[in-house]
PDB file of N, CA and C in Angstrom:
ATOM      1  N   MET A   1      16.847  -0.775  -7.269  1.00  0.00           N
ATOM      2  CA  MET A   1      16.470  -2.138  -7.405  1.00  0.00           C
ATOM      3  C   MET A   1      16.275  -2.522  -8.872  1.00  0.00           C
ATOM      4  N   THR A   2      15.815  -1.592  -9.673  1.00  0.00           N
ATOM      5  CA  THR A   2      15.686  -1.858 -11.108  1.00  0.00           C
ATOM      6  C   THR A   2      17.033  -2.160 -11.706  1.00  0.00           C
ATOM      7  N   THR A   3      18.056  -1.494 -11.235  1.00  0.00           N
ATOM      8  CA  THR A   3      19.418  -1.747 -11.706  1.00  0.00           C
ATOM      9  C   THR A   3      19.829  -3.172 -11.360  1.00  0.00           C
ATOM     10  N   VAL A   4      19.462  -3.621 -10.190  1.00  0.00           N
ATOM     11  CA  VAL A   4      19.764  -5.005  -9.790  1.00  0.00           C
ATOM     12  C   VAL A   4      19.047  -6.008 -10.681  1.00  0.00           C
ATOM     13  N   ILE A   5      17.804  -5.729 -10.993  1.00  0.00           N
ATOM     14  CA  ILE A   5      17.015  -6.613 -11.878  1.00  0.00           C
ATOM     15  C   ILE A   5      17.632  -6.623 -13.283  1.00  0.00           C
ATOM     16  N   LYS A   6      18.064  -5.449 -13.786  1.00  0.00           N
ATOM     17  CA  LYS A   6      18.729  -5.412 -15.076  1.00  0.00           C
ATOM     18  C   LYS A   6      19.985  -6.271 -15.081  1.00  0.00           C
ATOM     19  N   ALA A   7      20.804  -6.155 -14.030  1.00  0.00           N
ATOM     20  CA  ALA A   7      22.031  -6.940 -13.934  1.00  0.00           C
ATOM     21  C   ALA A   7      21.715  -8.435 -13.851  1.00  0.00           C
ATOM     22  N   LEU A   8      20.677  -8.774 -13.090  1.00  0.00           N
ATOM     23  CA  LEU A   8      20.282 -10.184 -12.926  1.00  0.00           C
ATOM     24  C   LEU A   8      19.819 -10.774 -14.264  1.00  0.00           C
ATOM     25  N   VAL A   9      19.051 -10.019 -15.018  1.00  0.00           N
ATOM     26  CA  VAL A   9      18.563 -10.502 -16.321  1.00  0.00           C
ATOM     27  C   VAL A   9      19.735 -10.650 -17.287  1.00  0.00           C
ATOM     28  N   ASP A  10      20.699  -9.731 -17.210  1.00  0.00           N
ATOM     29  CA  ASP A  10      21.906  -9.863 -18.050  1.00  0.00           C
ATOM     30  C   ASP A  10      22.704 -11.102 -17.676  1.00  0.00           C
ATOM     31  N   GLU A  11      22.786 -11.399 -16.397  1.00  0.00           N
ATOM     32  CA  GLU A  11      23.556 -12.538 -15.898  1.00  0.00           C
ATOM     33  C   GLU A  11      22.846 -13.878 -16.150  1.00  0.00           C
ATOM     34  N   VAL A  12      21.510 -13.849 -16.065  1.00  0.00           N
ATOM     35  CA  VAL A  12      20.700 -15.082 -16.242  1.00  0.00           C
ATOM     36  C   VAL A  12      19.692 -14.787 -17.349  1.00  0.00           C
ATOM     37  N   PRO A  13      20.097 -14.887 -18.610  1.00  0.00           N
ATOM     38  CA  PRO A  13      19.233 -14.524 -19.737  1.00  0.00           C
ATOM     39  C   PRO A  13      17.937 -15.315 -19.844  1.00  0.00           C
ATOM     40  N   THR A  14      17.889 -16.524 -19.263  1.00  0.00           N
ATOM     41  CA  THR A  14      16.644 -17.327 -19.307  1.00  0.00           C
ATOM     42  C   THR A  14      15.498 -16.625 -18.590  1.00  0.00           C
ATOM     43  N   LEU A  15      15.813 -15.654 -17.727  1.00  0.00           N
ATOM     44  CA  LEU A  15      14.753 -14.912 -17.031  1.00  0.00           C
ATOM     45  C   LEU A  15      13.894 -14.108 -18.006  1.00  0.00           C
ATOM     46  N   ARG A  16      14.446 -13.828 -19.181  1.00  0.00           N
ATOM     47  CA  ARG A  16      13.672 -13.078 -20.197  1.00  0.00           C
ATOM     48  C   ARG A  16      12.493 -13.877 -20.711  1.00  0.00           C
ATOM     49  N   ASN A  17      12.514 -15.185 -20.535  1.00  0.00           N
ATOM     50  CA  ASN A  17      11.463 -16.052 -21.083  1.00  0.00           C
ATOM     51  C   ASN A  17      10.304 -16.248 -20.114  1.00  0.00           C
ATOM     52  N   SER A  18      10.422 -15.769 -18.903  1.00  0.00           N
ATOM     53  CA  SER A  18       9.365 -15.930 -17.910  1.00  0.00           C
ATOM     54  C   SER A  18       8.889 -14.571 -17.438  1.00  0.00           C
ATOM     55  N   PRO A  19       7.579 -14.389 -17.260  1.00  0.00           N
ATOM     56  CA  PRO A  19       7.112 -13.100 -16.747  1.00  0.00           C
ATOM     57  C   PRO A  19       7.571 -12.883 -15.303  1.00  0.00           C
ATOM     58  N   LEU A  20       7.856 -11.638 -14.971  1.00  0.00           N
ATOM     59  CA  LEU A  20       8.247 -11.258 -13.607  1.00  0.00           C
ATOM     60  C   LEU A  20       7.011 -10.771 -12.852  1.00  0.00           C
ATOM     61  N   TYR A  21       6.742 -11.372 -11.724  1.00  0.00           N
ATOM     62  CA  TYR A  21       5.672 -10.955 -10.838  1.00  0.00           C
ATOM     63  C   TYR A  21       6.285 -10.415  -9.558  1.00  0.00           C
ATOM     64  N   LEU A  22       5.902  -9.230  -9.156  1.00  0.00           N
ATOM     65  CA  LEU A  22       6.352  -8.663  -7.887  1.00  0.00           C
ATOM     66  C   LEU A  22       5.239  -8.906  -6.888  1.00  0.00           C
ATOM     67  N   VAL A  23       5.558  -9.517  -5.769  1.00  0.00           N
ATOM     68  CA  VAL A  23       4.557  -9.869  -4.754  1.00  0.00           C
ATOM     69  C   VAL A  23       5.044  -9.302  -3.409  1.00  0.00           C
ATOM     70  N   ALA A  24       4.155  -8.597  -2.730  1.00  0.00           N
ATOM     71  CA  ALA A  24       4.535  -7.992  -1.438  1.00  0.00           C
ATOM     72  C   ALA A  24       3.316  -7.830  -0.573  1.00  0.00           C
ATOM     73  N   GLU A  25       3.553  -7.630   0.714  1.00  0.00           N
ATOM     74  CA  GLU A  25       2.473  -7.358   1.663  1.00  0.00           C
ATOM     75  C   GLU A  25       2.936  -6.302   2.640  1.00  0.00           C
ATOM     76  N   SER A  26       1.983  -5.735   3.335  1.00  0.00           N
ATOM     77  CA  SER A  26       2.226  -4.685   4.333  1.00  0.00           C
ATOM     78  C   SER A  26       2.955  -3.524   3.679  1.00  0.00           C
ATOM     79  N   TYR A  27       3.972  -2.995   4.364  1.00  0.00           N
ATOM     80  CA  TYR A  27       4.685  -1.824   3.818  1.00  0.00           C
ATOM     81  C   TYR A  27       5.397  -2.168   2.524  1.00  0.00           C
ATOM     82  N   GLY A  28       5.752  -3.440   2.323  1.00  0.00           N
ATOM     83  CA  GLY A  28       6.371  -3.886   1.084  1.00  0.00           C
ATOM     84  C   GLY A  28       5.529  -3.612  -0.124  1.00  0.00           C
ATOM     85  N   GLY A  29       4.216  -3.530   0.072  1.00  0.00           N
ATOM     86  CA  GLY A  29       3.292  -3.221  -1.026  1.00  0.00           C
ATOM     87  C   GLY A  29       3.580  -1.857  -1.646  1.00  0.00           C
ATOM     88  N   LYS A  30       3.929  -0.918  -0.786  1.00  0.00           N
ATOM     89  CA  LYS A  30       4.294   0.419  -1.286  1.00  0.00           C
ATOM     90  C   LYS A  30       5.542   0.333  -2.151  1.00  0.00           C
ATOM     91  N   TYR A  31       6.526  -0.438  -1.696  1.00  0.00           N
ATOM     92  CA  TYR A  31       7.760  -0.587  -2.448  1.00  0.00           C
ATOM     93  C   TYR A  31       7.501  -1.365  -3.739  1.00  0.00           C
ATOM     94  N   ALA A  32       6.692  -2.424  -3.709  1.00  0.00           N
ATOM     95  CA  ALA A  32       6.426  -3.216  -4.900  1.00  0.00           C
ATOM     96  C   ALA A  32       5.735  -2.369  -5.977  1.00  0.00           C
ATOM     97  N   ALA A  33       4.782  -1.515  -5.558  1.00  0.00           N
ATOM     98  CA  ALA A  33       4.123  -0.671  -6.521  1.00  0.00           C
ATOM     99  C   ALA A  33       5.114   0.296  -7.180  1.00  0.00           C
ATOM    100  N   THR A  34       5.980   0.899  -6.384  1.00  0.00           N
ATOM    101  CA  THR A  34       6.984   1.824  -6.912  1.00  0.00           C
ATOM    102  C   THR A  34       7.962   1.095  -7.841  1.00  0.00           C
ATOM    103  N   LEU A  35       8.414  -0.078  -7.410  1.00  0.00           N
ATOM    104  CA  LEU A  35       9.343  -0.865  -8.227  1.00  0.00           C
ATOM    105  C   LEU A  35       8.656  -1.300  -9.530  1.00  0.00           C
ATOM    106  N   GLY A  36       7.391  -1.661  -9.460  1.00  0.00           N
ATOM    107  CA  GLY A  36       6.663  -2.039 -10.669  1.00  0.00           C
ATOM    108  C   GLY A  36       6.639  -0.924 -11.703  1.00  0.00           C
ATOM    109  N   VAL A  37       6.394   0.299 -11.240  1.00  0.00           N
ATOM    110  CA  VAL A  37       6.386   1.446 -12.135  1.00  0.00           C
ATOM    111  C   VAL A  37       7.766   1.624 -12.742  1.00  0.00           C
ATOM    112  N   SER A  38       8.811   1.515 -11.933  1.00  0.00           N
ATOM    113  CA  SER A  38      10.182   1.694 -12.402  1.00  0.00           C
ATOM    114  C   SER A  38      10.522   0.632 -13.449  1.00  0.00           C
ATOM    115  N   ILE A  39      10.157  -0.603 -13.206  1.00  0.00           N
ATOM    116  CA  ILE A  39      10.436  -1.677 -14.164  1.00  0.00           C
ATOM    117  C   ILE A  39       9.644  -1.448 -15.451  1.00  0.00           C
ATOM    118  N   ALA A  40       8.367  -1.081 -15.342  1.00  0.00           N
ATOM    119  CA  ALA A  40       7.562  -0.832 -16.539  1.00  0.00           C
ATOM    120  C   ALA A  40       8.152   0.277 -17.384  1.00  0.00           C
ATOM    121  N   ARG A  41       8.646   1.313 -16.742  1.00  0.00           N
ATOM    122  CA  ARG A  41       9.290   2.412 -17.487  1.00  0.00           C
ATOM    123  C   ARG A  41      10.557   1.929 -18.196  1.00  0.00           C
ATOM    124  N   ALA A  42      11.348   1.113 -17.480  1.00  0.00           N
ATOM    125  CA  ALA A  42      12.583   0.587 -18.068  1.00  0.00           C
ATOM    126  C   ALA A  42      12.292  -0.324 -19.274  1.00  0.00           C
ATOM    127  N   VAL A  43      11.219  -1.131 -19.149  1.00  0.00           N
ATOM    128  CA  VAL A  43      10.826  -1.993 -20.261  1.00  0.00           C
ATOM    129  C   VAL A  43      10.377  -1.144 -21.431  1.00  0.00           C
ATOM    130  N   SER A  44       9.534  -0.127 -21.188  1.00  0.00           N
ATOM    131  CA  SER A  44       9.038   0.752 -22.232  1.00  0.00           C
ATOM    132  C   SER A  44      10.159   1.500 -22.954  1.00  0.00           C
ATOM    133  N   ALA A  45      11.191   1.856 -22.169  1.00  0.00           N
ATOM    134  CA  ALA A  45      12.315   2.614 -22.756  1.00  0.00           C
ATOM    135  C   ALA A  45      13.334   1.691 -23.441  1.00  0.00           C
ATOM    136  N   GLY A  46      13.085   0.378 -23.420  1.00  0.00           N
ATOM    137  CA  GLY A  46      14.001  -0.548 -24.049  1.00  0.00           C
ATOM    138  C   GLY A  46      15.244  -0.817 -23.223  1.00  0.00           C
ATOM    139  N   GLN A  47      15.226  -0.439 -21.954  1.00  0.00           N
ATOM    140  CA  GLN A  47      16.413  -0.633 -21.102  1.00  0.00           C
ATOM    141  C   GLN A  47      16.405  -2.003 -20.386  1.00  0.00           C
ATOM    142  N   LEU A  48      15.280  -2.655 -20.407  1.00  0.00           N
ATOM    143  CA  LEU A  48      15.124  -3.925 -19.711  1.00  0.00           C
ATOM    144  C   LEU A  48      14.298  -4.858 -20.597  1.00  0.00           C
ATOM    145  N   ASN A  49      14.831  -6.034 -20.895  1.00  0.00           N
ATOM    146  CA  ASN A  49      14.169  -6.953 -21.787  1.00  0.00           C
ATOM    147  C   ASN A  49      13.530  -8.103 -21.005  1.00  0.00           C
ATOM    148  N   ILE A  50      12.415  -7.787 -20.353  1.00  0.00           N
ATOM    149  CA  ILE A  50      11.620  -8.802 -19.636  1.00  0.00           C
ATOM    150  C   ILE A  50      10.150  -8.478 -19.810  1.00  0.00           C
ATOM    151  N   THR A  51       9.329  -9.374 -19.375  1.00  0.00           N
ATOM    152  CA  THR A  51       7.876  -9.126 -19.338  1.00  0.00           C
ATOM    153  C   THR A  51       7.474  -8.980 -17.890  1.00  0.00           C
ATOM    154  N   LEU A  52       6.921  -7.800 -17.567  1.00  0.00           N
ATOM    155  CA  LEU A  52       6.389  -7.605 -16.226  1.00  0.00           C
ATOM    156  C   LEU A  52       4.992  -8.221 -16.191  1.00  0.00           C
ATOM    157  N   GLY A  53       4.900  -9.361 -15.504  1.00  0.00           N
ATOM    158  CA  GLY A  53       3.624 -10.069 -15.473  1.00  0.00           C
ATOM    159  C   GLY A  53       2.587  -9.406 -14.605  1.00  0.00           C
ATOM    160  N   GLY A  54       3.050  -8.706 -13.550  1.00  0.00           N
ATOM    161  CA  GLY A  54       2.096  -8.019 -12.680  1.00  0.00           C
ATOM    162  C   GLY A  54       2.704  -7.714 -11.327  1.00  0.00           C
ATOM    163  N   VAL A  55       1.949  -6.954 -10.597  1.00  0.00           N
ATOM    164  CA  VAL A  55       2.319  -6.574  -9.232  1.00  0.00           C
ATOM    165  C   VAL A  55       1.153  -6.998  -8.333  1.00  0.00           C
ATOM    166  N   VAL A  56       1.474  -7.823  -7.343  1.00  0.00           N
ATOM    167  CA  VAL A  56       0.454  -8.315  -6.420  1.00  0.00           C
ATOM    168  C   VAL A  56       0.765  -7.754  -5.044  1.00  0.00           C
ATOM    169  N   VAL A  57      -0.202  -7.052  -4.475  1.00  0.00           N
ATOM    170  CA  VAL A  57      -0.023  -6.501  -3.128  1.00  0.00           C
ATOM    171  C   VAL A  57      -1.157  -6.998  -2.256  1.00  0.00           C
ATOM    172  N   GLY A  58      -0.805  -7.487  -1.096  1.00  0.00           N
ATOM    173  CA  GLY A  58      -1.797  -7.986  -0.144  1.00  0.00           C
ATOM    174  C   GLY A  58      -1.675  -7.271   1.170  1.00  0.00           C
ATOM    175  N   ASP A  59      -2.772  -6.804   1.692  1.00  0.00           N
ATOM    176  CA  ASP A  59      -2.798  -6.121   2.987  1.00  0.00           C
ATOM    177  C   ASP A  59      -1.713  -5.035   3.032  1.00  0.00           C
ATOM    178  N   SER A  60      -1.688  -4.264   1.946  1.00  0.00           N
ATOM    179  CA  SER A  60      -0.591  -3.318   1.783  1.00  0.00           C
ATOM    180  C   SER A  60      -0.847  -1.989   2.440  1.00  0.00           C
ATOM    181  N   PHE A  61       0.187  -1.488   3.049  1.00  0.00           N
ATOM    182  CA  PHE A  61       0.161  -0.157   3.663  1.00  0.00           C
ATOM    183  C   PHE A  61       0.760   0.824   2.670  1.00  0.00           C
ATOM    184  N   ILE A  62      -0.085   1.337   1.788  1.00  0.00           N
ATOM    185  CA  ILE A  62       0.388   2.249   0.749  1.00  0.00           C
ATOM    186  C   ILE A  62       0.069   3.697   1.095  1.00  0.00           C
ATOM    187  N   SER A  63      -1.087   3.906   1.691  1.00  0.00           N
ATOM    188  CA  SER A  63      -1.539   5.268   1.960  1.00  0.00           C
ATOM    189  C   SER A  63      -2.145   5.332   3.363  1.00  0.00           C
ATOM    190  N   PRO A  64      -1.533   6.107   4.269  1.00  0.00           N
ATOM    191  CA  PRO A  64      -2.129   6.220   5.604  1.00  0.00           C
ATOM    192  C   PRO A  64      -3.541   6.766   5.559  1.00  0.00           C
ATOM    193  N   GLU A  65      -3.802   7.668   4.627  1.00  0.00           N
ATOM    194  CA  GLU A  65      -5.139   8.257   4.551  1.00  0.00           C
ATOM    195  C   GLU A  65      -6.157   7.186   4.205  1.00  0.00           C
ATOM    196  N   ASP A  66      -5.900   6.444   3.108  1.00  0.00           N
ATOM    197  CA  ASP A  66      -6.851   5.429   2.689  1.00  0.00           C
ATOM    198  C   ASP A  66      -7.020   4.315   3.733  1.00  0.00           C
ATOM    199  N   PHE A  67      -5.915   3.930   4.342  1.00  0.00           N
ATOM    200  CA  PHE A  67      -5.930   2.889   5.359  1.00  0.00           C
ATOM    201  C   PHE A  67      -6.831   3.305   6.534  1.00  0.00           C
ATOM    202  N   THR A  68      -6.627   4.541   6.995  1.00  0.00           N
ATOM    203  CA  THR A  68      -7.380   5.049   8.131  1.00  0.00           C
ATOM    204  C   THR A  68      -8.857   5.187   7.783  1.00  0.00           C
ATOM    205  N   LEU A  69      -9.149   5.712   6.610  1.00  0.00           N
ATOM    206  CA  LEU A  69     -10.544   5.916   6.221  1.00  0.00           C
ATOM    207  C   LEU A  69     -11.256   4.622   5.872  1.00  0.00           C
ATOM    208  N   SER A  70     -10.526   3.524   5.789  1.00  0.00           N
ATOM    209  CA  SER A  70     -11.164   2.233   5.469  1.00  0.00           C
ATOM    210  C   SER A  70     -11.739   1.552   6.730  1.00  0.00           C
ATOM    211  N   TYR A  71     -11.324   2.012   7.913  1.00  0.00           N
ATOM    212  CA  TYR A  71     -11.802   1.367   9.151  1.00  0.00           C
ATOM    213  C   TYR A  71     -13.325   1.373   9.271  1.00  0.00           C
ATOM    214  N   GLY A  72     -13.942   2.523   9.130  1.00  0.00           N
ATOM    215  CA  GLY A  72     -15.384   2.620   9.307  1.00  0.00           C
ATOM    216  C   GLY A  72     -16.144   1.691   8.390  1.00  0.00           C
ATOM    217  N   PRO A  73     -15.949   1.778   7.072  1.00  0.00           N
ATOM    218  CA  PRO A  73     -16.678   0.880   6.167  1.00  0.00           C
ATOM    219  C   PRO A  73     -16.380  -0.607   6.413  1.00  0.00           C
ATOM    220  N   LEU A  74     -15.123  -0.940   6.696  1.00  0.00           N
ATOM    221  CA  LEU A  74     -14.793  -2.336   6.943  1.00  0.00           C
ATOM    222  C   LEU A  74     -15.512  -2.858   8.199  1.00  0.00           C
ATOM    223  N   LEU A  75     -15.446  -2.084   9.277  1.00  0.00           N
ATOM    224  CA  LEU A  75     -16.064  -2.540  10.508  1.00  0.00           C
ATOM    225  C   LEU A  75     -17.599  -2.597  10.388  1.00  0.00           C
ATOM    226  N   ARG A  76     -18.190  -1.716   9.576  1.00  0.00           N
ATOM    227  CA  ARG A  76     -19.616  -1.805   9.312  1.00  0.00           C
ATOM    228  C   ARG A  76     -19.931  -3.069   8.503  1.00  0.00           C
ATOM    229  N   ASP A  77     -19.077  -3.331   7.482  1.00  0.00           N
ATOM    230  CA  ASP A  77     -19.348  -4.495   6.614  1.00  0.00           C
ATOM    231  C   ASP A  77     -19.233  -5.823   7.321  1.00  0.00           C
ATOM    232  N   VAL A  78     -18.413  -5.880   8.369  1.00  0.00           N
ATOM    233  CA  VAL A  78     -18.291  -7.134   9.136  1.00  0.00           C
ATOM    234  C   VAL A  78     -19.155  -7.097  10.389  1.00  0.00           C
ATOM    235  N   SER A  79     -20.109  -6.173  10.434  1.00  0.00           N
ATOM    236  CA  SER A  79     -21.099  -6.060  11.494  1.00  0.00           C
ATOM    237  C   SER A  79     -20.476  -5.758  12.860  1.00  0.00           C
ATOM    238  N   ARG A  80     -19.385  -5.025  12.901  1.00  0.00           N
ATOM    239  CA  ARG A  80     -18.811  -4.609  14.168  1.00  0.00           C
ATOM    240  C   ARG A  80     -19.273  -3.201  14.531  1.00  0.00           C
ATOM    241  N   LEU A  81     -19.708  -2.429  13.547  1.00  0.00           N
ATOM    242  CA  LEU A  81     -20.301  -1.111  13.782  1.00  0.00           C
ATOM    243  C   LEU A  81     -21.573  -1.005  12.997  1.00  0.00           C
ATOM    244  N   ASP A  82     -22.553  -0.258  13.513  1.00  0.00           N
ATOM    245  CA  ASP A  82     -23.709   0.015  12.725  1.00  0.00           C
ATOM    246  C   ASP A  82     -23.404   1.253  11.864  1.00  0.00           C
ATOM    247  N   ASP A  83     -24.385   1.716  11.089  1.00  0.00           N
ATOM    248  CA  ASP A  83     -24.149   2.844  10.182  1.00  0.00           C
ATOM    249  C   ASP A  83     -23.733   4.090  10.956  1.00  0.00           C
ATOM    250  N   ALA A  84     -24.342   4.335  12.099  1.00  0.00           N
ATOM    251  CA  ALA A  84     -23.960   5.517  12.881  1.00  0.00           C
ATOM    252  C   ALA A  84     -22.547   5.390  13.423  1.00  0.00           C
ATOM    253  N   GLY A  85     -22.151   4.218  13.864  1.00  0.00           N
ATOM    254  CA  GLY A  85     -20.797   3.991  14.337  1.00  0.00           C
ATOM    255  C   GLY A  85     -19.759   4.151  13.250  1.00  0.00           C
ATOM    256  N   ALA A  86     -20.100   3.649  12.051  1.00  0.00           N
ATOM    257  CA  ALA A  86     -19.176   3.784  10.914  1.00  0.00           C
ATOM    258  C   ALA A  86     -19.023   5.264  10.530  1.00  0.00           C
ATOM    259  N   GLU A  87     -20.113   6.017  10.604  1.00  0.00           N
ATOM    260  CA  GLU A  87     -20.050   7.433  10.297  1.00  0.00           C
ATOM    261  C   GLU A  87     -19.193   8.163  11.338  1.00  0.00           C
ATOM    262  N   GLU A  88     -19.366   7.795  12.617  1.00  0.00           N
ATOM    263  CA  GLU A  88     -18.567   8.410  13.665  1.00  0.00           C
ATOM    264  C   GLU A  88     -17.083   8.101  13.486  1.00  0.00           C
ATOM    265  N   ALA A  89     -16.763   6.835  13.143  1.00  0.00           N
ATOM    266  CA  ALA A  89     -15.374   6.444  12.907  1.00  0.00           C
ATOM    267  C   ALA A  89     -14.768   7.247  11.751  1.00  0.00           C
ATOM    268  N   ASN A  90     -15.532   7.426  10.700  1.00  0.00           N
ATOM    269  CA  ASN A  90     -15.027   8.199   9.552  1.00  0.00           C
ATOM    270  C   ASN A  90     -14.828   9.662   9.914  1.00  0.00           C
ATOM    271  N   LYS A  91     -15.734  10.224  10.677  1.00  0.00           N
ATOM    272  CA  LYS A  91     -15.572  11.628  11.105  1.00  0.00           C
ATOM    273  C   LYS A  91     -14.323  11.772  11.980  1.00  0.00           C
ATOM    274  N   TYR A  92     -14.146  10.823  12.879  1.00  0.00           N
ATOM    275  CA  TYR A  92     -12.981  10.835  13.761  1.00  0.00           C
ATOM    276  C   TYR A  92     -11.676  10.713  12.981  1.00  0.00           C
ATOM    277  N   ALA A  93     -11.650   9.760  12.051  1.00  0.00           N
ATOM    278  CA  ALA A  93     -10.449   9.559  11.241  1.00  0.00           C
ATOM    279  C   ALA A  93     -10.155  10.791  10.365  1.00  0.00           C
ATOM    280  N   THR A  94     -11.207  11.344   9.789  1.00  0.00           N
ATOM    281  CA  THR A  94     -11.031  12.547   8.937  1.00  0.00           C
ATOM    282  C   THR A  94     -10.476  13.698   9.744  1.00  0.00           C
ATOM    283  N   ALA A  95     -11.006  13.913  10.935  1.00  0.00           N
ATOM    284  CA  ALA A  95     -10.528  15.008  11.787  1.00  0.00           C
ATOM    285  C   ALA A  95      -9.065  14.826  12.102  1.00  0.00           C
ATOM    286  N   HIS A  96      -8.645  13.609  12.439  1.00  0.00           N
ATOM    287  CA  HIS A  96      -7.231  13.345  12.730  1.00  0.00           C
ATOM    288  C   HIS A  96      -6.379  13.559  11.494  1.00  0.00           C
ATOM    289  N   LEU A  97      -6.836  13.081  10.350  1.00  0.00           N
ATOM    290  CA  LEU A  97      -6.048  13.222   9.134  1.00  0.00           C
ATOM    291  C   LEU A  97      -5.870  14.692   8.770  1.00  0.00           C
ATOM    292  N   LEU A  98      -6.893  15.511   8.968  1.00  0.00           N
ATOM    293  CA  LEU A  98      -6.786  16.920   8.639  1.00  0.00           C
ATOM    294  C   LEU A  98      -5.796  17.635   9.575  1.00  0.00           C
ATOM    295  N   ALA A  99      -5.603  17.088  10.769  1.00  0.00           N
ATOM    296  CA  ALA A  99      -4.709  17.743  11.732  1.00  0.00           C
ATOM    297  C   ALA A  99      -3.253  17.298  11.580  1.00  0.00           C
ATOM    298  N   ILE A 100      -3.007  16.299  10.764  1.00  0.00           N
ATOM    299  CA  ILE A 100      -1.655  15.785  10.639  1.00  0.00           C
ATOM    300  C   ILE A 100      -0.816  16.615   9.683  1.00  0.00           C
ATOM    301  N   ASP A 101       0.404  16.883  10.109  1.00  0.00           N
ATOM    302  CA  ASP A 101       1.407  17.481   9.246  1.00  0.00           C
ATOM    303  C   ASP A 101       2.234  16.312   8.697  1.00  0.00           C
ATOM    304  N   PHE A 102       1.922  15.885   7.454  1.00  0.00           N
ATOM    305  CA  PHE A 102       2.559  14.720   6.904  1.00  0.00           C
ATOM    306  C   PHE A 102       4.037  14.884   6.592  1.00  0.00           C
ATOM    307  N   THR A 103       4.561  16.107   6.812  1.00  0.00           N
ATOM    308  CA  THR A 103       5.999  16.310   6.646  1.00  0.00           C
ATOM    309  C   THR A 103       6.762  15.858   7.901  1.00  0.00           C
ATOM    310  N   VAL A 104       6.001  15.625   9.007  1.00  0.00           N
ATOM    311  CA  VAL A 104       6.627  15.144  10.243  1.00  0.00           C
ATOM    312  C   VAL A 104       6.341  13.654  10.358  1.00  0.00           C
ATOM    313  N   PRO A 105       7.342  12.799  10.229  1.00  0.00           N
ATOM    314  CA  PRO A 105       7.095  11.337  10.225  1.00  0.00           C
ATOM    315  C   PRO A 105       6.408  10.877  11.519  1.00  0.00           C
ATOM    316  N   ASP A 106       5.422  10.031  11.371  1.00  0.00           N
ATOM    317  CA  ASP A 106       4.742   9.395  12.477  1.00  0.00           C
ATOM    318  C   ASP A 106       4.193  10.347  13.528  1.00  0.00           C
ATOM    319  N   GLN A 107       3.819  11.543  13.065  1.00  0.00           N
ATOM    320  CA  GLN A 107       3.338  12.553  14.016  1.00  0.00           C
ATOM    321  C   GLN A 107       2.107  12.061  14.809  1.00  0.00           C
ATOM    322  N   HIS A 108       1.118  11.586  14.115  1.00  0.00           N
ATOM    323  CA  HIS A 108      -0.091  11.153  14.789  1.00  0.00           C
ATOM    324  C   HIS A 108      -0.506   9.746  14.382  1.00  0.00           C
ATOM    325  N   TRP A 109       0.237   9.091  13.553  1.00  0.00           N
ATOM    326  CA  TRP A 109      -0.192   7.803  13.032  1.00  0.00           C
ATOM    327  C   TRP A 109      -0.492   6.791  14.151  1.00  0.00           C
ATOM    328  N   PRO A 110       0.353   6.652  15.164  1.00  0.00           N
ATOM    329  CA  PRO A 110      -0.017   5.678  16.228  1.00  0.00           C
ATOM    330  C   PRO A 110      -1.364   5.969  16.840  1.00  0.00           C
ATOM    331  N   ALA A 111      -1.684   7.232  17.072  1.00  0.00           N
ATOM    332  CA  ALA A 111      -2.982   7.576  17.689  1.00  0.00           C
ATOM    333  C   ALA A 111      -4.119   7.183  16.768  1.00  0.00           C
ATOM    334  N   ILE A 112      -4.012   7.456  15.497  1.00  0.00           N
ATOM    335  CA  ILE A 112      -5.077   7.111  14.554  1.00  0.00           C
ATOM    336  C   ILE A 112      -5.249   5.604  14.461  1.00  0.00           C
ATOM    337  N   SER A 113      -4.141   4.877  14.362  1.00  0.00           N
ATOM    338  CA  SER A 113      -4.226   3.453  14.130  1.00  0.00           C
ATOM    339  C   SER A 113      -4.818   2.705  15.306  1.00  0.00           C
ATOM    340  N   TYR A 114      -4.734   3.284  16.513  1.00  0.00           N
ATOM    341  CA  TYR A 114      -5.294   2.612  17.681  1.00  0.00           C
ATOM    342  C   TYR A 114      -6.628   3.202  18.092  1.00  0.00           C
ATOM    343  N   ASP A 115      -6.833   4.491  17.944  1.00  0.00           N
ATOM    344  CA  ASP A 115      -8.043   5.130  18.456  1.00  0.00           C
ATOM    345  C   ASP A 115      -9.308   4.675  17.723  1.00  0.00           C
ATOM    346  N   VAL A 116      -9.257   4.546  16.399  1.00  0.00           N
ATOM    347  CA  VAL A 116     -10.456   4.151  15.673  1.00  0.00           C
ATOM    348  C   VAL A 116     -10.899   2.753  16.090  1.00  0.00           C
ATOM    349  N   PRO A 117     -10.013   1.741  16.114  1.00  0.00           N
ATOM    350  CA  PRO A 117     -10.480   0.428  16.598  1.00  0.00           C
ATOM    351  C   PRO A 117     -10.945   0.468  18.044  1.00  0.00           C
ATOM    352  N   ASP A 118     -10.411   1.359  18.861  1.00  0.00           N
ATOM    353  CA  ASP A 118     -10.836   1.451  20.238  1.00  0.00           C
ATOM    354  C   ASP A 118     -12.337   1.831  20.357  1.00  0.00           C
ATOM    355  N   MET A 119     -12.847   2.403  19.282  1.00  0.00           N
ATOM    356  CA  MET A 119     -14.279   2.748  19.295  1.00  0.00           C
ATOM    357  C   MET A 119     -15.162   1.512  19.455  1.00  0.00           C
ATOM    358  N   LEU A 120     -14.609   0.360  19.071  1.00  0.00           N
ATOM    359  CA  LEU A 120     -15.367  -0.893  19.209  1.00  0.00           C
ATOM    360  C   LEU A 120     -15.612  -1.248  20.664  1.00  0.00           C
ATOM    361  N   ARG A 121     -14.742  -0.784  21.524  1.00  0.00           N
ATOM    362  CA  ARG A 121     -14.867  -1.173  22.956  1.00  0.00           C
ATOM    363  C   ARG A 121     -15.881  -0.320  23.708  1.00  0.00           C
ATOM    364  N   ARG A 122     -16.367   0.706  23.041  1.00  0.00           N
ATOM    365  CA  ARG A 122     -17.307   1.613  23.726  1.00  0.00           C
ATOM    366  C   ARG A 122     -18.673   0.997  23.863  1.00  0.00           C
TER     367      ARG A 122
END
């Protein structure tokens, strides 16, 4: 994608005068972060003549571990779990994460993504 941006800037030189902002959400946030690093490296190496204004990610799915471990604190902060419930959710999420072989795609992710919120129904 950095190659495409280089070609686009070469084709439309006026793009050099405006900062480039990468904006993404959900799984696209993972891609935007990676693309941002690639563009920053190309700019630093003098291979791309633009200004990277920033990378904006909203509700991004960048790390299954961080996403899963955020359930307990989030649900506590919005008063859906008390401290004990948040601690139980974190223990449950941690146990699942420790059991996952991340070399096998989607091995346990569906179970984790649904089981922790299911704790609210108890």
